[in-house]
Amino acid sequence: MILCYSRLREYHEVMSARTLLTFEQFEQLHDDGLKHELLLGEHIVLPPAKFDHNSLLHKILRLLQPYIDKHELGDVRIESGFQLSSDTWLQPDVSFIRDAHIRKPRPRGYMEGSPALAIEVASESNTAAQLDMKMEQYFAHGAEEIWVVYPQTRRIRIHFPDGSSRTAADELASDLFPGWSAPLSAVFED
């Protein structure tokens, strides 16, 4: 994925002023009930999800789960952790993990590499630069699609590893789930 040069420069300028952590240091952080991520060594702390945000995640899960279960494709999870590299550990809002990625026996720690599908819900806590860098890291470590959900505009942008993207209009569909679709209104219904 190619990032806008000015956003990348802005992100690196901000990061250079911060202390970077290793994954080992990140793992030693105290569990304070907040959402923590490690993005290229930068420790990101996000506030707890608000009710509407959490409801949206569960709607997406309920839309995907029956298809994934019926076709025995893998697991769909909310806020599972993925160790992408020695300096990046991310927790997408929703993720789809192919059965082939889930080793038997199931991992006891974090999943290594990206989920096939990472879904991030844009919020006040996420900067555009952070979302861009997360997408770059997900794709660099094996993601096949990334959905960015924009609750305020009621849109979902689907991104692909080749840098292309499309906006879901009235219906949400995915190359990962042939024959599956859901009306966009089902994601954003009140």
N, C-alpha and C. Protein backbone atom coordinates (compact mmCIF):
# COMPACT_ATOMS: atom_id res chain seq x y z
N MET A 1 0.84 -1.17 0.00
CA MET A 1 0.00 0.00 0.00
C MET A 1 0.89 1.24 0.00
N ILE A 2 0.59 2.19 -0.83
CA ILE A 2 1.39 3.41 -0.92
C ILE A 2 0.71 4.50 -0.10
N LEU A 3 1.44 5.06 0.82
CA LEU A 3 0.90 6.11 1.68
C LEU A 3 1.21 7.48 1.11
N CYS A 4 0.38 8.43 1.44
CA CYS A 4 0.63 9.81 1.07
C CYS A 4 1.92 10.26 1.76
N TYR A 5 2.86 10.81 1.01
CA TYR A 5 4.17 11.18 1.55
C TYR A 5 4.04 12.13 2.73
N SER A 6 3.14 13.11 2.64
CA SER A 6 3.04 14.08 3.74
C SER A 6 2.53 13.42 5.01
N ARG A 7 1.60 12.47 4.90
CA ARG A 7 1.12 11.77 6.09
C ARG A 7 2.21 10.91 6.69
N LEU A 8 2.96 10.22 5.85
CA LEU A 8 4.04 9.37 6.34
C LEU A 8 5.10 10.22 7.03
N ARG A 9 5.46 11.35 6.43
CA ARG A 9 6.45 12.24 7.03
C ARG A 9 5.95 12.77 8.37
N GLU A 10 4.67 13.18 8.40
CA GLU A 10 4.07 13.68 9.65
C GLU A 10 4.11 12.60 10.72
N TYR A 11 3.77 11.38 10.36
CA TYR A 11 3.75 10.28 11.32
C TYR A 11 5.15 10.03 11.87
N HIS A 12 6.15 9.98 11.01
CA HIS A 12 7.52 9.73 11.47
C HIS A 12 8.08 10.88 12.30
N GLU A 13 7.68 12.12 12.00
CA GLU A 13 8.11 13.25 12.81
C GLU A 13 7.55 13.13 14.23
N VAL A 14 6.27 12.75 14.33
CA VAL A 14 5.65 12.59 15.64
C VAL A 14 6.32 11.44 16.38
N MET A 15 6.56 10.32 15.68
CA MET A 15 7.16 9.15 16.33
C MET A 15 8.58 9.42 16.81
N SER A 16 9.33 10.22 16.07
CA SER A 16 10.71 10.47 16.46
C SER A 16 10.80 11.22 17.78
N ALA A 17 9.74 11.91 18.16
CA ALA A 17 9.72 12.64 19.42
C ALA A 17 9.29 11.76 20.59
N ARG A 18 8.91 10.51 20.31
CA ARG A 18 8.42 9.61 21.35
C ARG A 18 9.42 8.51 21.63
N THR A 19 9.29 7.92 22.79
CA THR A 19 10.09 6.77 23.15
C THR A 19 9.44 5.53 22.54
N LEU A 20 10.21 4.76 21.80
CA LEU A 20 9.69 3.56 21.17
C LEU A 20 9.89 2.36 22.09
N LEU A 21 8.97 1.40 22.00
CA LEU A 21 9.02 0.20 22.84
C LEU A 21 9.31 -1.02 21.97
N THR A 22 9.93 -2.01 22.59
CA THR A 22 10.03 -3.32 21.96
C THR A 22 8.77 -4.09 22.33
N PHE A 23 8.53 -5.21 21.65
CA PHE A 23 7.37 -6.03 21.99
C PHE A 23 7.49 -6.55 23.41
N GLU A 24 8.69 -6.91 23.83
CA GLU A 24 8.90 -7.41 25.19
C GLU A 24 8.53 -6.35 26.22
N GLN A 25 8.92 -5.09 25.98
CA GLN A 25 8.54 -4.01 26.90
C GLN A 25 7.03 -3.79 26.87
N PHE A 26 6.46 -3.86 25.70
CA PHE A 26 5.02 -3.68 25.54
C PHE A 26 4.25 -4.73 26.34
N GLU A 27 4.72 -5.99 26.30
CA GLU A 27 4.05 -7.07 27.03
C GLU A 27 4.09 -6.87 28.54
N GLN A 28 5.07 -6.11 29.03
CA GLN A 28 5.21 -5.89 30.46
C GLN A 28 4.32 -4.77 30.99
N LEU A 29 3.62 -4.06 30.12
CA LEU A 29 2.75 -2.97 30.56
C LEU A 29 1.63 -3.51 31.44
N HIS A 30 1.25 -2.71 32.40
CA HIS A 30 0.17 -3.05 33.33
C HIS A 30 -1.17 -3.01 32.60
N ASP A 31 -2.03 -3.98 32.84
CA ASP A 31 -3.37 -4.00 32.26
C ASP A 31 -4.23 -2.99 33.01
N ASP A 32 -4.56 -1.91 32.32
CA ASP A 32 -5.34 -0.85 32.96
C ASP A 32 -6.76 -0.74 32.41
N GLY A 33 -7.18 -1.74 31.61
CA GLY A 33 -8.53 -1.73 31.07
C GLY A 33 -8.69 -0.94 29.80
N LEU A 34 -7.62 -0.28 29.35
CA LEU A 34 -7.66 0.46 28.11
C LEU A 34 -7.17 -0.43 26.97
N LYS A 35 -7.40 -0.01 25.75
CA LYS A 35 -6.93 -0.76 24.58
C LYS A 35 -5.54 -0.24 24.24
N HIS A 36 -4.57 -1.15 24.20
CA HIS A 36 -3.19 -0.79 23.89
C HIS A 36 -2.76 -1.47 22.60
N GLU A 37 -2.02 -0.77 21.77
CA GLU A 37 -1.44 -1.34 20.56
C GLU A 37 0.00 -0.87 20.46
N LEU A 38 0.78 -1.59 19.67
CA LEU A 38 2.17 -1.22 19.41
C LEU A 38 2.30 -1.12 17.89
N LEU A 39 2.58 0.06 17.38
CA LEU A 39 2.65 0.30 15.94
C LEU A 39 4.03 0.83 15.60
N LEU A 40 4.86 -0.04 15.03
CA LEU A 40 6.24 0.31 14.69
C LEU A 40 6.97 0.87 15.90
N GLY A 41 6.74 0.25 17.05
CA GLY A 41 7.40 0.66 18.28
C GLY A 41 6.66 1.72 19.07
N GLU A 42 5.69 2.38 18.46
CA GLU A 42 4.94 3.42 19.16
C GLU A 42 3.82 2.78 19.98
N HIS A 43 3.78 3.14 21.25
CA HIS A 43 2.73 2.65 22.15
C HIS A 43 1.50 3.53 21.96
N ILE A 44 0.41 2.93 21.51
CA ILE A 44 -0.84 3.66 21.29
C ILE A 44 -1.83 3.22 22.36
N VAL A 45 -2.42 4.18 23.05
CA VAL A 45 -3.43 3.90 24.06
C VAL A 45 -4.74 4.49 23.58
N LEU A 46 -5.76 3.63 23.53
CA LEU A 46 -7.08 4.07 23.09
C LEU A 46 -8.05 3.93 24.26
N PRO A 47 -8.99 4.84 24.38
CA PRO A 47 -9.96 4.74 25.48
C PRO A 47 -10.88 3.55 25.27
N PRO A 48 -11.58 3.13 26.32
CA PRO A 48 -12.54 2.04 26.16
C PRO A 48 -13.59 2.40 25.10
N ALA A 49 -14.07 1.37 24.41
CA ALA A 49 -15.06 1.59 23.36
C ALA A 49 -16.36 2.13 23.94
N LYS A 50 -16.95 3.07 23.24
CA LYS A 50 -18.26 3.60 23.63
C LYS A 50 -19.34 2.61 23.19
N PHE A 51 -20.53 2.78 23.71
CA PHE A 51 -21.63 1.86 23.46
C PHE A 51 -21.91 1.71 21.96
N ASP A 52 -22.02 2.82 21.23
CA ASP A 52 -22.32 2.76 19.80
C ASP A 52 -21.22 2.03 19.03
N HIS A 53 -19.98 2.29 19.39
CA HIS A 53 -18.84 1.63 18.75
C HIS A 53 -18.92 0.12 18.96
N ASN A 54 -19.14 -0.28 20.19
CA ASN A 54 -19.24 -1.69 20.53
C ASN A 54 -20.43 -2.36 19.84
N SER A 55 -21.56 -1.67 19.76
CA SER A 55 -22.75 -2.20 19.07
C SER A 55 -22.44 -2.45 17.60
N LEU A 56 -21.72 -1.54 17.00
CA LEU A 56 -21.35 -1.67 15.59
C LEU A 56 -20.48 -2.92 15.37
N LEU A 57 -19.53 -3.17 16.26
CA LEU A 57 -18.68 -4.35 16.14
C LEU A 57 -19.51 -5.63 16.20
N HIS A 58 -20.44 -5.67 17.12
CA HIS A 58 -21.28 -6.86 17.27
C HIS A 58 -22.21 -7.06 16.08
N LYS A 59 -22.70 -5.98 15.48
CA LYS A 59 -23.52 -6.10 14.27
C LYS A 59 -22.71 -6.73 13.14
N ILE A 60 -21.47 -6.26 12.96
CA ILE A 60 -20.62 -6.81 11.90
C ILE A 60 -20.34 -8.29 12.18
N LEU A 61 -20.03 -8.61 13.42
CA LEU A 61 -19.79 -10.01 13.80
C LEU A 61 -21.01 -10.88 13.47
N ARG A 62 -22.20 -10.42 13.86
CA ARG A 62 -23.42 -11.20 13.62
C ARG A 62 -23.74 -11.35 12.14
N LEU A 63 -23.34 -10.39 11.32
CA LEU A 63 -23.56 -10.50 9.88
C LEU A 63 -22.61 -11.51 9.23
N LEU A 64 -21.37 -11.55 9.69
CA LEU A 64 -20.37 -12.43 9.10
C LEU A 64 -20.40 -13.86 9.64
N GLN A 65 -20.68 -14.01 10.92
CA GLN A 65 -20.54 -15.31 11.60
C GLN A 65 -21.31 -16.45 10.94
N PRO A 66 -22.59 -16.29 10.59
CA PRO A 66 -23.31 -17.42 10.00
C PRO A 66 -22.67 -17.93 8.70
N TYR A 67 -22.23 -17.03 7.84
CA TYR A 67 -21.60 -17.44 6.58
C TYR A 67 -20.28 -18.17 6.85
N ILE A 68 -19.48 -17.61 7.72
CA ILE A 68 -18.17 -18.20 8.03
C ILE A 68 -18.35 -19.58 8.68
N ASP A 69 -19.32 -19.71 9.57
CA ASP A 69 -19.58 -21.00 10.21
C ASP A 69 -20.12 -22.02 9.19
N LYS A 70 -21.08 -21.60 8.38
CA LYS A 70 -21.69 -22.51 7.40
C LYS A 70 -20.65 -23.09 6.45
N HIS A 71 -19.70 -22.26 6.03
CA HIS A 71 -18.69 -22.69 5.06
C HIS A 71 -17.40 -23.15 5.72
N GLU A 72 -17.38 -23.17 7.06
CA GLU A 72 -16.23 -23.62 7.84
C GLU A 72 -14.93 -22.96 7.37
N LEU A 73 -14.97 -21.63 7.33
CA LEU A 73 -13.84 -20.86 6.82
C LEU A 73 -12.82 -20.48 7.89
N GLY A 74 -13.25 -20.39 9.14
CA GLY A 74 -12.35 -19.94 10.19
C GLY A 74 -13.12 -19.30 11.32
N ASP A 75 -12.53 -18.27 11.90
CA ASP A 75 -13.13 -17.57 13.04
C ASP A 75 -13.26 -16.08 12.74
N VAL A 76 -14.28 -15.48 13.29
CA VAL A 76 -14.42 -14.03 13.27
C VAL A 76 -14.39 -13.61 14.73
N ARG A 77 -13.58 -12.60 15.02
CA ARG A 77 -13.33 -12.19 16.41
C ARG A 77 -13.47 -10.69 16.56
N ILE A 78 -13.74 -10.29 17.79
CA ILE A 78 -13.75 -8.88 18.15
C ILE A 78 -12.52 -8.62 19.01
N GLU A 79 -11.72 -7.64 18.61
CA GLU A 79 -10.56 -7.14 19.35
C GLU A 79 -9.56 -8.22 19.77
N SER A 80 -9.27 -9.16 18.88
CA SER A 80 -8.19 -10.12 19.13
C SER A 80 -6.85 -9.48 18.79
N GLY A 81 -5.82 -9.89 19.52
CA GLY A 81 -4.49 -9.33 19.29
C GLY A 81 -3.68 -10.13 18.27
N PHE A 82 -2.94 -9.42 17.43
CA PHE A 82 -2.10 -10.03 16.41
C PHE A 82 -0.69 -9.45 16.49
N GLN A 83 0.28 -10.31 16.66
CA GLN A 83 1.67 -9.85 16.65
C GLN A 83 2.14 -9.93 15.21
N LEU A 84 2.35 -8.75 14.61
CA LEU A 84 2.75 -8.69 13.21
C LEU A 84 4.25 -8.76 13.05
N SER A 85 4.98 -8.18 13.99
CA SER A 85 6.44 -8.18 13.93
C SER A 85 6.99 -7.90 15.32
N SER A 86 8.29 -7.75 15.43
CA SER A 86 8.90 -7.52 16.74
C SER A 86 8.56 -6.14 17.32
N ASP A 87 8.01 -5.25 16.50
CA ASP A 87 7.66 -3.92 17.01
C ASP A 87 6.21 -3.51 16.70
N THR A 88 5.40 -4.48 16.27
CA THR A 88 4.01 -4.15 15.94
C THR A 88 3.06 -5.24 16.43
N TRP A 89 2.14 -4.84 17.28
CA TRP A 89 1.08 -5.70 17.80
C TRP A 89 -0.20 -4.88 17.70
N LEU A 90 -1.15 -5.36 16.90
CA LEU A 90 -2.38 -4.62 16.67
C LEU A 90 -3.60 -5.44 17.07
N GLN A 91 -4.66 -4.73 17.36
CA GLN A 91 -5.89 -5.34 17.82
C GLN A 91 -7.04 -4.75 16.98
N PRO A 92 -7.28 -5.33 15.78
CA PRO A 92 -8.36 -4.79 14.96
C PRO A 92 -9.70 -4.89 15.68
N ASP A 93 -10.60 -4.00 15.36
CA ASP A 93 -11.91 -4.03 16.00
C ASP A 93 -12.61 -5.37 15.73
N VAL A 94 -12.57 -5.82 14.48
CA VAL A 94 -13.11 -7.13 14.10
C VAL A 94 -12.09 -7.76 13.17
N SER A 95 -11.94 -9.07 13.26
CA SER A 95 -11.01 -9.76 12.35
C SER A 95 -11.59 -11.10 11.92
N PHE A 96 -11.22 -11.51 10.72
CA PHE A 96 -11.54 -12.85 10.22
C PHE A 96 -10.21 -13.57 10.04
N ILE A 97 -10.13 -14.76 10.66
CA ILE A 97 -8.91 -15.55 10.61
C ILE A 97 -9.25 -16.86 9.91
N ARG A 98 -8.55 -17.15 8.82
CA ARG A 98 -8.78 -18.40 8.10
C ARG A 98 -8.39 -19.59 8.95
N ASP A 99 -9.09 -20.70 8.75
CA ASP A 99 -8.77 -21.93 9.47
C ASP A 99 -7.31 -22.31 9.29
N ALA A 100 -6.79 -22.12 8.07
CA ALA A 100 -5.39 -22.49 7.80
C ALA A 100 -4.41 -21.69 8.65
N HIS A 101 -4.81 -20.50 9.07
CA HIS A 101 -3.95 -19.64 9.88
C HIS A 101 -3.97 -20.06 11.35
N ILE A 102 -5.06 -20.70 11.74
CA ILE A 102 -5.20 -21.12 13.13
C ILE A 102 -4.57 -22.51 13.25
N ARG A 103 -3.42 -22.54 13.85
CA ARG A 103 -2.72 -23.82 13.98
C ARG A 103 -3.40 -24.70 15.02
N LYS A 104 -3.32 -25.97 14.81
CA LYS A 104 -3.85 -26.94 15.78
C LYS A 104 -2.67 -27.50 16.55
N PRO A 105 -2.65 -27.52 17.87
CA PRO A 105 -3.68 -26.92 18.70
C PRO A 105 -3.67 -25.39 18.57
N ARG A 106 -4.77 -24.80 18.94
CA ARG A 106 -4.90 -23.34 18.84
C ARG A 106 -3.79 -22.66 19.63
N PRO A 107 -3.36 -21.49 19.11
CA PRO A 107 -2.30 -20.78 19.82
C PRO A 107 -2.75 -20.38 21.22
N ARG A 108 -1.84 -20.44 22.16
CA ARG A 108 -2.15 -20.02 23.54
C ARG A 108 -1.84 -18.54 23.73
N GLY A 109 -1.00 -18.00 22.88
CA GLY A 109 -0.65 -16.58 22.96
C GLY A 109 -1.37 -15.81 21.87
N TYR A 110 -0.68 -14.87 21.29
CA TYR A 110 -1.26 -14.04 20.24
C TYR A 110 -1.11 -14.73 18.89
N MET A 111 -2.01 -14.40 17.99
CA MET A 111 -1.88 -14.87 16.61
C MET A 111 -0.67 -14.16 16.01
N GLU A 112 0.08 -14.85 15.18
CA GLU A 112 1.21 -14.23 14.49
C GLU A 112 0.78 -13.92 13.07
N GLY A 113 1.17 -12.76 12.59
CA GLY A 113 0.78 -12.32 11.26
C GLY A 113 -0.60 -11.69 11.30
N SER A 114 -1.01 -11.21 10.14
CA SER A 114 -2.30 -10.51 10.03
C SER A 114 -3.46 -11.47 9.87
N PRO A 115 -4.64 -11.02 10.28
CA PRO A 115 -5.83 -11.78 9.92
C PRO A 115 -6.08 -11.61 8.42
N ALA A 116 -6.87 -12.49 7.82
CA ALA A 116 -7.20 -12.33 6.40
C ALA A 116 -7.97 -11.03 6.19
N LEU A 117 -8.84 -10.71 7.14
CA LEU A 117 -9.63 -9.48 7.10
C LEU A 117 -9.47 -8.75 8.41
N ALA A 118 -9.06 -7.50 8.35
CA ALA A 118 -9.00 -6.62 9.52
C ALA A 118 -10.02 -5.51 9.30
N ILE A 119 -10.85 -5.29 10.31
CA ILE A 119 -11.86 -4.24 10.24
C ILE A 119 -11.55 -3.23 11.32
N GLU A 120 -11.37 -2.00 10.92
CA GLU A 120 -11.09 -0.90 11.85
C GLU A 120 -12.23 0.11 11.76
N VAL A 121 -12.76 0.51 12.89
CA VAL A 121 -13.81 1.52 12.94
C VAL A 121 -13.15 2.86 13.24
N ALA A 122 -13.30 3.80 12.34
CA ALA A 122 -12.73 5.13 12.52
C ALA A 122 -13.44 5.83 13.68
N SER A 123 -12.63 6.46 14.54
CA SER A 123 -13.20 7.19 15.67
C SER A 123 -12.30 8.37 15.98
N GLU A 124 -12.71 9.16 16.98
CA GLU A 124 -11.92 10.33 17.35
C GLU A 124 -10.53 9.92 17.84
N SER A 125 -10.40 8.69 18.33
CA SER A 125 -9.13 8.23 18.89
C SER A 125 -8.11 7.84 17.83
N ASN A 126 -8.57 7.57 16.60
CA ASN A 126 -7.67 7.15 15.53
C ASN A 126 -7.32 8.33 14.64
N THR A 127 -6.04 8.57 14.44
CA THR A 127 -5.65 9.60 13.47
C THR A 127 -5.60 8.95 12.10
N ALA A 128 -5.72 9.77 11.07
CA ALA A 128 -5.62 9.26 9.69
C ALA A 128 -4.26 8.62 9.46
N ALA A 129 -3.21 9.21 10.02
CA ALA A 129 -1.86 8.65 9.85
C ALA A 129 -1.76 7.28 10.51
N GLN A 130 -2.34 7.13 11.70
CA GLN A 130 -2.32 5.83 12.37
C GLN A 130 -3.07 4.78 11.56
N LEU A 131 -4.25 5.13 11.05
CA LEU A 131 -5.02 4.18 10.23
C LEU A 131 -4.23 3.77 8.99
N ASP A 132 -3.59 4.73 8.34
CA ASP A 132 -2.77 4.42 7.16
C ASP A 132 -1.63 3.47 7.52
N MET A 133 -0.96 3.74 8.62
CA MET A 133 0.16 2.90 9.02
C MET A 133 -0.32 1.50 9.44
N LYS A 134 -1.45 1.43 10.11
CA LYS A 134 -2.01 0.13 10.48
C LYS A 134 -2.31 -0.68 9.22
N MET A 135 -2.95 -0.04 8.24
CA MET A 135 -3.27 -0.75 7.01
C MET A 135 -2.00 -1.25 6.32
N GLU A 136 -1.00 -0.40 6.28
CA GLU A 136 0.27 -0.80 5.66
C GLU A 136 0.85 -2.03 6.37
N GLN A 137 0.80 -2.04 7.69
CA GLN A 137 1.33 -3.16 8.46
C GLN A 137 0.48 -4.43 8.29
N TYR A 138 -0.84 -4.28 8.30
CA TYR A 138 -1.69 -5.45 8.07
C TYR A 138 -1.37 -6.09 6.73
N PHE A 139 -1.29 -5.28 5.67
CA PHE A 139 -1.02 -5.83 4.34
C PHE A 139 0.39 -6.41 4.24
N ALA A 140 1.36 -5.77 4.87
CA ALA A 140 2.73 -6.27 4.82
C ALA A 140 2.86 -7.63 5.50
N HIS A 141 1.91 -7.97 6.37
CA HIS A 141 1.99 -9.23 7.11
C HIS A 141 0.86 -10.19 6.77
N GLY A 142 0.27 -10.03 5.58
CA GLY A 142 -0.63 -11.06 5.07
C GLY A 142 -2.11 -10.76 4.97
N ALA A 143 -2.58 -9.59 5.35
CA ALA A 143 -4.01 -9.30 5.23
C ALA A 143 -4.42 -9.32 3.75
N GLU A 144 -5.63 -9.79 3.51
CA GLU A 144 -6.17 -9.84 2.15
C GLU A 144 -7.15 -8.71 1.88
N GLU A 145 -7.81 -8.24 2.92
CA GLU A 145 -8.71 -7.10 2.83
C GLU A 145 -8.70 -6.36 4.16
N ILE A 146 -8.96 -5.06 4.07
CA ILE A 146 -9.16 -4.24 5.26
C ILE A 146 -10.40 -3.39 5.02
N TRP A 147 -11.30 -3.42 5.98
CA TRP A 147 -12.46 -2.55 5.91
C TRP A 147 -12.27 -1.44 6.93
N VAL A 148 -12.45 -0.21 6.49
CA VAL A 148 -12.47 0.92 7.42
C VAL A 148 -13.91 1.42 7.46
N VAL A 149 -14.48 1.37 8.64
CA VAL A 149 -15.88 1.72 8.85
C VAL A 149 -15.94 3.15 9.37
N TYR A 150 -16.76 3.97 8.71
CA TYR A 150 -16.93 5.38 9.09
C TYR A 150 -18.36 5.57 9.60
N PRO A 151 -18.56 5.44 10.91
CA PRO A 151 -19.92 5.51 11.46
C PRO A 151 -20.63 6.84 11.19
N GLN A 152 -19.91 7.94 11.23
CA GLN A 152 -20.57 9.24 11.07
C GLN A 152 -21.13 9.43 9.67
N THR A 153 -20.44 8.92 8.65
CA THR A 153 -20.93 9.07 7.28
C THR A 153 -21.65 7.81 6.80
N ARG A 154 -21.66 6.77 7.66
CA ARG A 154 -22.31 5.50 7.35
C ARG A 154 -21.75 4.89 6.05
N ARG A 155 -20.44 4.86 5.99
CA ARG A 155 -19.75 4.29 4.83
C ARG A 155 -18.72 3.27 5.29
N ILE A 156 -18.42 2.36 4.39
CA ILE A 156 -17.36 1.40 4.63
C ILE A 156 -16.47 1.40 3.39
N ARG A 157 -15.19 1.61 3.61
CA ARG A 157 -14.20 1.59 2.52
C ARG A 157 -13.44 0.28 2.61
N ILE A 158 -13.42 -0.47 1.51
CA ILE A 158 -12.75 -1.76 1.45
C ILE A 158 -11.44 -1.58 0.71
N HIS A 159 -10.34 -1.92 1.37
CA HIS A 159 -8.99 -1.75 0.83
C HIS A 159 -8.40 -3.11 0.48
N PHE A 160 -7.54 -3.10 -0.56
CA PHE A 160 -6.91 -4.32 -1.06
C PHE A 160 -5.39 -4.16 -1.05
N PRO A 161 -4.65 -5.28 -1.02
CA PRO A 161 -3.18 -5.21 -0.93
C PRO A 161 -2.51 -4.45 -2.08
N ASP A 162 -3.14 -4.39 -3.25
CA ASP A 162 -2.52 -3.69 -4.38
C ASP A 162 -2.68 -2.17 -4.31
N GLY A 163 -3.31 -1.69 -3.23
CA GLY A 163 -3.49 -0.25 -3.04
C GLY A 163 -4.84 0.26 -3.53
N SER A 164 -5.60 -0.59 -4.21
CA SER A 164 -6.92 -0.17 -4.67
C SER A 164 -7.92 -0.25 -3.51
N SER A 165 -9.04 0.41 -3.69
CA SER A 165 -10.09 0.38 -2.69
C SER A 165 -11.41 0.71 -3.36
N ARG A 166 -12.48 0.39 -2.66
CA ARG A 166 -13.82 0.75 -3.14
C ARG A 166 -14.69 1.05 -1.93
N THR A 167 -15.70 1.84 -2.15
CA THR A 167 -16.64 2.16 -1.09
C THR A 167 -17.88 1.30 -1.26
N ALA A 168 -18.29 0.64 -0.20
CA ALA A 168 -19.53 -0.13 -0.23
C ALA A 168 -20.69 0.86 -0.35
N ALA A 169 -21.52 0.68 -1.36
CA ALA A 169 -22.62 1.61 -1.60
C ALA A 169 -23.82 1.20 -0.73
N ASP A 170 -24.77 0.48 -1.31
CA ASP A 170 -25.94 0.06 -0.55
C ASP A 170 -25.76 -1.31 0.08
N GLU A 171 -24.77 -2.06 -0.45
CA GLU A 171 -24.59 -3.43 -0.01
C GLU A 171 -23.12 -3.68 0.30
N LEU A 172 -22.89 -4.44 1.35
CA LEU A 172 -21.54 -4.81 1.74
C LEU A 172 -21.27 -6.22 1.23
N ALA A 173 -20.19 -6.39 0.47
CA ALA A 173 -19.79 -7.69 -0.05
C ALA A 173 -18.27 -7.77 0.02
N SER A 174 -17.76 -9.00 -0.04
CA SER A 174 -16.32 -9.18 0.09
C SER A 174 -15.84 -10.28 -0.84
N ASP A 175 -14.67 -10.10 -1.42
CA ASP A 175 -14.05 -11.15 -2.23
C ASP A 175 -13.71 -12.36 -1.38
N LEU A 176 -13.56 -12.18 -0.08
CA LEU A 176 -13.23 -13.28 0.82
C LEU A 176 -14.41 -14.22 1.06
N PHE A 177 -15.62 -13.73 0.83
CA PHE A 177 -16.83 -14.49 1.14
C PHE A 177 -17.75 -14.54 -0.09
N PRO A 178 -17.41 -15.37 -1.09
CA PRO A 178 -18.21 -15.43 -2.32
C PRO A 178 -19.68 -15.75 -2.03
N GLY A 179 -20.55 -14.96 -2.61
CA GLY A 179 -21.98 -15.17 -2.43
C GLY A 179 -22.57 -14.50 -1.21
N TRP A 180 -21.72 -13.98 -0.32
CA TRP A 180 -22.21 -13.31 0.89
C TRP A 180 -22.38 -11.83 0.61
N SER A 181 -23.44 -11.28 1.13
CA SER A 181 -23.61 -9.82 1.11
C SER A 181 -24.56 -9.45 2.24
N ALA A 182 -24.54 -8.19 2.59
CA ALA A 182 -25.44 -7.67 3.62
C ALA A 182 -25.77 -6.24 3.27
N PRO A 183 -27.00 -5.82 3.48
CA PRO A 183 -27.31 -4.42 3.23
C PRO A 183 -26.54 -3.54 4.20
N LEU A 184 -26.01 -2.46 3.70
CA LEU A 184 -25.25 -1.55 4.54
C LEU A 184 -26.10 -1.03 5.70
N SER A 185 -27.38 -0.92 5.47
CA SER A 185 -28.28 -0.45 6.54
C SER A 185 -28.25 -1.39 7.74
N ALA A 186 -27.97 -2.69 7.53
CA ALA A 186 -27.91 -3.64 8.65
C ALA A 186 -26.71 -3.36 9.56
N VAL A 187 -25.65 -2.77 8.99
CA VAL A 187 -24.48 -2.42 9.79
C VAL A 187 -24.77 -1.17 10.62
N PHE A 188 -25.45 -0.21 10.02
CA PHE A 188 -25.63 1.09 10.66
C PHE A 188 -27.01 1.30 11.25
N GLU A 189 -27.84 0.26 11.29
CA GLU A 189 -29.18 0.44 11.84
C GLU A 189 -29.08 0.84 13.31
N ASP A 190 -30.05 1.65 13.73
CA ASP A 190 -30.07 2.12 15.12
C ASP A 190 -30.75 1.14 16.03
